[in-house]
């Protein structure tokens, strides 16, 4: 069975685990929010490019 009794070290270990969970949760949340922002930006740029006429490339003789 899992033994979670850390006797004299519990005051150091449990806050460290808690801080780790909070930091990793924040990093994951920031990654998800950034991905949503970049996805929205990509969609906006694609819509903007679709509305704009394509430039005609000049060909040199």
PDB file of N, CA and C in Angstrom:
ATOM      1  N   UNK A   1       0.844  -1.182   0.000  1.00  0.00           N
ATOM      2  CA  UNK A   1       0.000   0.000   0.000  1.00  0.00           C
ATOM      3  C   UNK A   1       0.891   1.249   0.000  1.00  0.00           C
ATOM      4  N   UNK A   2       0.332   2.350  -0.405  1.00  0.00           N
ATOM      5  CA  UNK A   2       1.057   3.610  -0.486  1.00  0.00           C
ATOM      6  C   UNK A   2       1.243   4.209   0.907  1.00  0.00           C
ATOM      7  N   UNK A   3       2.460   4.482   1.280  1.00  0.00           N
ATOM      8  CA  UNK A   3       2.766   5.051   2.588  1.00  0.00           C
ATOM      9  C   UNK A   3       3.089   6.532   2.411  1.00  0.00           C
ATOM     10  N   UNK A   4       2.197   7.403   2.877  1.00  0.00           N
ATOM     11  CA  UNK A   4       2.393   8.842   2.718  1.00  0.00           C
ATOM     12  C   UNK A   4       2.880   9.527   4.002  1.00  0.00           C
ATOM     13  N   UNK A   5       3.245   8.741   5.017  1.00  0.00           N
ATOM     14  CA  UNK A   5       3.744   9.299   6.268  1.00  0.00           C
ATOM     15  C   UNK A   5       5.206   9.707   6.079  1.00  0.00           C
ATOM     16  N   UNK A   6       5.479  10.986   6.159  1.00  0.00           N
ATOM     17  CA  UNK A   6       6.841  11.479   5.966  1.00  0.00           C
ATOM     18  C   UNK A   6       7.404  12.080   7.242  1.00  0.00           C
ATOM     19  N   UNK A   7       6.768  11.813   8.329  1.00  0.00           N
ATOM     20  CA  UNK A   7       7.148  12.261   9.672  1.00  0.00           C
ATOM     21  C   UNK A   7       7.849  13.620   9.704  1.00  0.00           C
ATOM     22  N   UNK A   8       9.149  13.695   9.953  1.00  0.00           N
ATOM     23  CA  UNK A   8       9.758  15.017  10.131  1.00  0.00           C
ATOM     24  C   UNK A   8       9.902  15.823   8.838  1.00  0.00           C
ATOM     25  N   UNK A   9       9.771  15.162   7.694  1.00  0.00           N
ATOM     26  CA  UNK A   9      10.001  15.851   6.424  1.00  0.00           C
ATOM     27  C   UNK A   9       8.724  16.358   5.772  1.00  0.00           C
ATOM     28  N   UNK A  10       7.587  16.023   6.333  1.00  0.00           N
ATOM     29  CA  UNK A  10       6.305  16.385   5.737  1.00  0.00           C
ATOM     30  C   UNK A  10       6.153  17.901   5.573  1.00  0.00           C
ATOM     31  N   UNK A  11       6.673  18.666   6.503  1.00  0.00           N
ATOM     32  CA  UNK A  11       6.555  20.128   6.432  1.00  0.00           C
ATOM     33  C   UNK A  11       7.289  20.707   5.229  1.00  0.00           C
ATOM     34  N   UNK A  12       8.233  19.970   4.682  1.00  0.00           N
ATOM     35  CA  UNK A  12       8.984  20.434   3.519  1.00  0.00           C
ATOM     36  C   UNK A  12       8.487  19.789   2.225  1.00  0.00           C
ATOM     37  N   UNK A  13       8.150  18.513   2.310  1.00  0.00           N
ATOM     38  CA  UNK A  13       7.792  17.760   1.109  1.00  0.00           C
ATOM     39  C   UNK A  13       6.422  18.152   0.580  1.00  0.00           C
ATOM     40  N   UNK A  14       5.399  18.204   1.444  1.00  0.00           N
ATOM     41  CA  UNK A  14       4.041  18.497   0.954  1.00  0.00           C
ATOM     42  C   UNK A  14       3.911  19.892   0.340  1.00  0.00           C
ATOM     43  N   UNK A  15       4.482  20.932   0.934  1.00  0.00           N
ATOM     44  CA  UNK A  15       4.434  22.234   0.250  1.00  0.00           C
ATOM     45  C   UNK A  15       5.176  22.227  -1.084  1.00  0.00           C
ATOM     46  N   UNK A  16       6.264  21.466  -1.154  1.00  0.00           N
ATOM     47  CA  UNK A  16       7.002  21.379  -2.419  1.00  0.00           C
ATOM     48  C   UNK A  16       6.136  20.717  -3.492  1.00  0.00           C
ATOM     49  N   UNK A  17       5.437  19.646  -3.127  1.00  0.00           N
ATOM     50  CA  UNK A  17       4.529  18.984  -4.074  1.00  0.00           C
ATOM     51  C   UNK A  17       3.409  19.936  -4.475  1.00  0.00           C
ATOM     52  N   UNK A  18       2.858  20.650  -3.506  1.00  0.00           N
ATOM     53  CA  UNK A  18       1.778  21.599  -3.798  1.00  0.00           C
ATOM     54  C   UNK A  18       2.228  22.696  -4.744  1.00  0.00           C
ATOM     55  N   UNK A  19       3.402  23.243  -4.484  1.00  0.00           N
ATOM     56  CA  UNK A  19       3.951  24.293  -5.346  1.00  0.00           C
ATOM     57  C   UNK A  19       4.207  23.757  -6.752  1.00  0.00           C
ATOM     58  N   UNK A  20       4.697  22.539  -6.835  1.00  0.00           N
ATOM     59  CA  UNK A  20       4.944  21.917  -8.137  1.00  0.00           C
ATOM     60  C   UNK A  20       3.650  21.762  -8.923  1.00  0.00           C
ATOM     61  N   UNK A  21       2.599  21.309  -8.252  1.00  0.00           N
ATOM     62  CA  UNK A  21       1.302  21.137  -8.919  1.00  0.00           C
ATOM     63  C   UNK A  21       0.767  22.482  -9.410  1.00  0.00           C
ATOM     64  N   UNK A  22       0.893  23.508  -8.594  1.00  0.00           N
ATOM     65  CA  UNK A  22       0.412  24.836  -8.982  1.00  0.00           C
ATOM     66  C   UNK A  22       1.198  25.368 -10.182  1.00  0.00           C
ATOM     67  N   UNK A  23       2.504  25.242 -10.151  1.00  0.00           N
ATOM     68  CA  UNK A  23       3.338  25.752 -11.243  1.00  0.00           C
ATOM     69  C   UNK A  23       3.075  24.989 -12.538  1.00  0.00           C
ATOM     70  N   UNK A  24       3.036  23.658 -12.465  1.00  0.00           N
ATOM     71  CA  UNK A  24       2.777  22.872 -13.673  1.00  0.00           C
ATOM     72  C   UNK A  24       1.371  23.122 -14.207  1.00  0.00           C
ATOM     73  N   UNK A  25       0.412  23.312 -13.320  1.00  0.00           N
ATOM     74  CA  UNK A  25      -0.936  23.666 -13.751  1.00  0.00           C
ATOM     75  C   UNK A  25      -0.959  25.010 -14.465  1.00  0.00           C
ATOM     76  N   UNK A  26      -0.216  25.968 -13.949  1.00  0.00           N
ATOM     77  CA  UNK A  26      -0.123  27.278 -14.593  1.00  0.00           C
ATOM     78  C   UNK A  26       0.541  27.212 -15.955  1.00  0.00           C
ATOM     79  N   UNK A  27       1.595  26.417 -16.056  1.00  0.00           N
ATOM     80  CA  UNK A  27       2.287  26.262 -17.336  1.00  0.00           C
ATOM     81  C   UNK A  27       1.353  25.617 -18.361  1.00  0.00           C
ATOM     82  N   UNK A  28       0.624  24.588 -17.947  1.00  0.00           N
ATOM     83  CA  UNK A  28      -0.313  23.920 -18.854  1.00  0.00           C
ATOM     84  C   UNK A  28      -1.434  24.860 -19.280  1.00  0.00           C
ATOM     85  N   UNK A  29      -1.981  25.622 -18.333  1.00  0.00           N
ATOM     86  CA  UNK A  29      -3.047  26.568 -18.660  1.00  0.00           C
ATOM     87  C   UNK A  29      -2.546  27.642 -19.621  1.00  0.00           C
ATOM     88  N   UNK A  30      -1.347  28.135 -19.390  1.00  0.00           N
ATOM     89  CA  UNK A  30      -0.778  29.157 -20.283  1.00  0.00           C
ATOM     90  C   UNK A  30      -0.567  28.600 -21.687  1.00  0.00           C
ATOM     91  N   UNK A  31      -0.137  27.355 -21.783  1.00  0.00           N
ATOM     92  CA  UNK A  31       0.066  26.728 -23.098  1.00  0.00           C
ATOM     93  C   UNK A  31      -1.262  26.598 -23.837  1.00  0.00           C
ATOM     94  N   UNK A  32      -2.313  26.195 -23.131  1.00  0.00           N
ATOM     95  CA  UNK A  32      -3.632  26.053 -23.759  1.00  0.00           C
ATOM     96  C   UNK A  32      -4.146  27.411 -24.218  1.00  0.00           C
ATOM     97  N   UNK A  33      -4.022  28.423 -23.386  1.00  0.00           N
ATOM     98  CA  UNK A  33      -4.486  29.764 -23.761  1.00  0.00           C
ATOM     99  C   UNK A  33      -3.688  30.325 -24.937  1.00  0.00           C
ATOM    100  N   UNK A  34      -2.394  30.107 -24.939  1.00  0.00           N
ATOM    101  CA  UNK A  34      -1.566  30.577 -26.053  1.00  0.00           C
ATOM    102  C   UNK A  34      -1.951  29.864 -27.350  1.00  0.00           C
ATOM    103  N   UNK A  35      -2.200  28.575 -27.256  1.00  0.00           N
ATOM    104  CA  UNK A  35      -2.600  27.820 -28.445  1.00  0.00           C
ATOM    105  C   UNK A  35      -3.922  28.343 -28.993  1.00  0.00           C
ATOM    106  N   UNK A  36      -4.855  28.668 -28.118  1.00  0.00           N
ATOM    107  CA  UNK A  36      -6.132  29.230 -28.573  1.00  0.00           C
ATOM    108  C   UNK A  36      -5.931  30.583 -29.255  1.00  0.00           C
ATOM    109  N   UNK A  37      -5.068  31.419 -28.649  1.00  0.00           N
ATOM    110  CA  UNK A  37      -4.805  32.731 -29.246  1.00  0.00           C
ATOM    111  C   UNK A  37      -4.165  32.596 -30.617  1.00  0.00           C
ATOM    112  N   UNK A  38      -3.162  31.719 -30.742  1.00  0.00           N
ATOM    113  CA  UNK A  38      -2.479  31.540 -32.016  1.00  0.00           C
ATOM    114  C   UNK A  38      -3.419  30.949 -33.062  1.00  0.00           C
ATOM    115  N   UNK A  39      -4.312  30.067 -32.634  1.00  0.00           N
ATOM    116  CA  UNK A  39      -5.271  29.486 -33.566  1.00  0.00           C
ATOM    117  C   UNK A  39      -6.225  30.570 -34.081  1.00  0.00           C
ATOM    118  N   UNK A  40      -6.680  31.446 -33.196  1.00  0.00           N
ATOM    119  CA  UNK A  40      -7.555  32.553 -33.599  1.00  0.00           C
ATOM    120  C   UNK A  40      -6.806  33.513 -34.527  1.00  0.00           C
ATOM    121  N   UNK A  41      -5.545  33.781 -34.228  1.00  0.00           N
ATOM    122  CA  UNK A  41      -4.737  34.668 -35.072  1.00  0.00           C
ATOM    123  C   UNK A  41      -4.536  34.061 -36.462  1.00  0.00           C
ATOM    124  N   UNK A  42      -4.279  32.756 -36.513  1.00  0.00           N
ATOM    125  CA  UNK A  42      -4.129  32.086 -37.798  1.00  0.00           C
ATOM    126  C   UNK A  42      -5.414  32.170 -38.613  1.00  0.00           C
ATOM    127  N   UNK A  43      -6.538  31.950 -37.953  1.00  0.00           N
ATOM    128  CA  UNK A  43      -7.823  32.025 -38.639  1.00  0.00           C
ATOM    129  C   UNK A  43      -8.060  33.438 -39.186  1.00  0.00           C
ATOM    130  N   UNK A  44      -7.705  34.458 -38.376  1.00  0.00           N
ATOM    131  CA  UNK A  44      -7.870  35.846 -38.811  1.00  0.00           C
ATOM    132  C   UNK A  44      -6.986  36.150 -40.015  1.00  0.00           C
ATOM    133  N   UNK A  45      -5.733  35.708 -39.968  1.00  0.00           N
ATOM    134  CA  UNK A  45      -4.813  35.966 -41.074  1.00  0.00           C
ATOM    135  C   UNK A  45      -5.247  35.236 -42.347  1.00  0.00           C
ATOM    136  N   UNK A  46      -5.749  34.013 -42.201  1.00  0.00           N
ATOM    137  CA  UNK A  46      -6.223  33.282 -43.370  1.00  0.00           C
ATOM    138  C   UNK A  46      -7.437  33.963 -43.991  1.00  0.00           C
ATOM    139  N   UNK A  47      -8.344  34.472 -43.159  1.00  0.00           N
ATOM    140  CA  UNK A  47      -9.514  35.181 -43.670  1.00  0.00           C
ATOM    141  C   UNK A  47      -9.092  36.479 -44.350  1.00  0.00           C
ATOM    142  N   UNK A  48      -8.119  37.159 -43.767  1.00  0.00           N
ATOM    143  CA  UNK A  48      -7.620  38.404 -44.349  1.00  0.00           C
ATOM    144  C   UNK A  48      -6.958  38.129 -45.702  1.00  0.00           C
ATOM    145  N   UNK A  49      -6.215  37.042 -45.802  1.00  0.00           N
ATOM    146  CA  UNK A  49      -5.544  36.690 -47.053  1.00  0.00           C
ATOM    147  C   UNK A  49      -6.553  36.272 -48.118  1.00  0.00           C
ATOM    148  N   UNK A  50      -7.643  35.639 -47.713  1.00  0.00           N
ATOM    149  CA  UNK A  50      -8.659  35.213 -48.665  1.00  0.00           C
ATOM    150  C   UNK A  50      -9.412  36.418 -49.236  1.00  0.00           C
ATOM    151  N   UNK A  51      -9.543  37.467 -48.464  1.00  0.00           N
ATOM    152  CA  UNK A  51     -10.249  38.675 -48.908  1.00  0.00           C
ATOM    153  C   UNK A  51      -9.395  39.531 -49.833  1.00  0.00           C
ATOM    154  N   UNK A  52      -8.089  39.412 -49.722  1.00  0.00           N
ATOM    155  CA  UNK A  52      -7.172  40.243 -50.490  1.00  0.00           C
ATOM    156  C   UNK A  52      -6.885  39.579 -51.834  1.00  0.00           C
ATOM    157  N   UNK A  53      -6.911  40.333 -52.936  1.00  0.00           N
ATOM    158  CA  UNK A  53      -6.589  39.740 -54.242  1.00  0.00           C
ATOM    159  C   UNK A  53      -5.105  39.368 -54.305  1.00  0.00           C
ATOM    160  N   UNK A  54      -4.828  38.312 -55.008  1.00  0.00           N
ATOM    161  CA  UNK A  54      -3.454  37.847 -55.129  1.00  0.00           C
ATOM    162  C   UNK A  54      -2.665  38.774 -56.054  1.00  0.00           C
ATOM    163  N   UNK A  55      -1.444  39.056 -55.719  1.00  0.00           N
ATOM    164  CA  UNK A  55      -0.586  39.908 -56.539  1.00  0.00           C
ATOM    165  C   UNK A  55      -0.119  39.090 -57.745  1.00  0.00           C
ATOM    166  N   UNK A  56      -0.094  39.732 -58.872  1.00  0.00           N
ATOM    167  CA  UNK A  56       0.368  39.060 -60.086  1.00  0.00           C
ATOM    168  C   UNK A  56       1.880  39.171 -60.155  1.00  0.00           C
ATOM    169  N   UNK A  57       2.527  38.055 -60.263  1.00  0.00           N
ATOM    170  CA  UNK A  57       3.982  38.036 -60.303  1.00  0.00           C
ATOM    171  C   UNK A  57       4.437  38.458 -61.705  1.00  0.00           C
ATOM    172  N   UNK A  58       5.393  39.374 -61.734  1.00  0.00           N
ATOM    173  CA  UNK A  58       5.935  39.811 -63.030  1.00  0.00           C
ATOM    174  C   UNK A  58       6.961  38.778 -63.493  1.00  0.00           C
ATOM    175  N   UNK A  59       6.887  38.464 -64.759  1.00  0.00           N
ATOM    176  CA  UNK A  59       7.855  37.519 -65.304  1.00  0.00           C
ATOM    177  C   UNK A  59       8.833  38.293 -66.188  1.00  0.00           C
ATOM    178  N   UNK A  60      10.084  38.040 -65.996  1.00  0.00           N
ATOM    179  CA  UNK A  60      11.126  38.695 -66.795  1.00  0.00           C
ATOM    180  C   UNK A  60      11.320  37.952 -68.098  1.00  0.00           C
ATOM    181  N   UNK A  61      11.414  38.673 -69.183  1.00  0.00           N
ATOM    182  CA  UNK A  61      11.615  37.995 -70.491  1.00  0.00           C
ATOM    183  C   UNK A  61      12.972  37.395 -70.656  1.00  0.00           C
TER     184      UNK A  61
END
